[in-house]
């Protein structure tokens, strides 16, 4: 079995949803908003940050210097 096969191989958009472990966090939007405001993020970095916490798989790509490592560090 391939992990995330339904998301990556089958490319099923319905398979990309909020992870079960986050469904019990009641104020997830508040927590994310608070973190986004604490960091200096542009529109695309903010979108990547939010997506990482609201789906079970998230791929971040971009050319050099766009903040991929910075966002990855903040997500971790």
Protein backbone atom coordinates (compact mmCIF):
# COMPACT_ATOMS: atom_id res chain seq x y z
CA UNK A 1 0.00 0.00 0.00
CA UNK A 2 1.29 3.46 -0.92
CA UNK A 3 0.76 6.19 1.71
CA UNK A 4 -1.48 8.99 0.40
CA UNK A 5 -2.09 6.99 -2.82
CA UNK A 6 -5.59 8.41 -3.16
CA UNK A 7 -4.18 11.95 -2.99
CA UNK A 8 -1.03 11.62 -5.08
CA UNK A 9 -1.47 8.71 -7.51
CA UNK A 10 -5.24 8.81 -7.97
CA UNK A 11 -5.38 12.60 -7.67
CA UNK A 12 -8.74 12.42 -5.96
CA UNK A 13 -9.53 15.91 -4.62
CA UNK A 14 -12.15 14.48 -2.24
CA UNK A 15 -9.40 12.51 -0.47
CA UNK A 16 -7.65 15.73 0.53
CA UNK A 17 -9.46 16.84 3.64
CA UNK A 18 -8.77 17.86 7.22
CA UNK A 19 -6.80 15.21 9.09
CA UNK A 20 -8.65 13.35 11.84
CA UNK A 21 -6.24 14.53 14.51
CA UNK A 22 -7.16 18.17 13.80
CA UNK A 23 -10.93 17.68 13.77
CA UNK A 24 -11.03 17.73 17.58
CA UNK A 25 -9.29 21.11 17.86
CA UNK A 26 -12.17 23.53 18.24
CA UNK A 27 -10.37 26.80 17.70
CA UNK A 28 -8.04 25.82 14.87
CA UNK A 29 -8.91 28.91 12.80
CA UNK A 30 -8.15 31.17 15.76
CA UNK A 31 -4.82 29.44 16.38
CA UNK A 32 -3.85 29.72 12.70
CA UNK A 33 -4.90 33.39 12.52
CA UNK A 34 -2.85 34.16 15.62
CA UNK A 35 0.24 32.43 14.15
CA UNK A 36 -0.18 34.07 10.72
CA UNK A 37 -0.29 37.51 12.35
CA UNK A 38 2.84 36.71 14.36
CA UNK A 39 4.87 35.94 11.21
CA UNK A 40 5.52 38.16 8.22
CA UNK A 41 3.88 36.19 5.41
CA UNK A 42 2.83 37.21 1.94
CA UNK A 43 -0.49 36.00 0.48
CA UNK A 44 0.93 32.78 -0.98
CA UNK A 45 2.92 31.89 2.14
CA UNK A 46 -0.20 32.40 4.25
CA UNK A 47 -2.19 30.16 1.91
CA UNK A 48 0.49 27.42 2.18
CA UNK A 49 0.52 27.76 5.98
CA UNK A 50 -3.27 27.46 6.24
CA UNK A 51 -3.41 24.55 3.78
CA UNK A 52 -0.80 22.61 5.75
CA UNK A 53 -3.05 22.70 8.82
CA UNK A 54 -6.36 22.08 7.09
CA UNK A 55 -5.63 19.12 4.77
CA UNK A 56 -4.12 15.68 5.25
CA UNK A 57 -1.47 16.34 2.59
CA UNK A 58 0.04 19.59 1.39
CA UNK A 59 2.74 20.16 -1.22
CA UNK A 60 4.60 23.46 -1.21
CA UNK A 61 6.57 24.35 -4.32
CA UNK A 62 8.04 27.49 -5.80
CA UNK A 63 11.18 29.00 -7.27
CA UNK A 64 14.23 29.82 -5.14
CA UNK A 65 13.74 32.57 -2.59
CA UNK A 66 9.97 32.32 -2.22
CA UNK A 67 10.03 31.14 1.40
CA UNK A 68 9.44 27.38 1.16
CA UNK A 69 11.97 26.60 3.88
CA UNK A 70 10.71 29.49 6.02
CA UNK A 71 7.12 28.24 5.82
CA UNK A 72 8.21 24.64 6.45
CA UNK A 73 10.04 25.77 9.57
CA UNK A 74 6.98 27.67 10.82
CA UNK A 75 4.70 24.69 10.13
CA UNK A 76 7.03 22.36 12.02
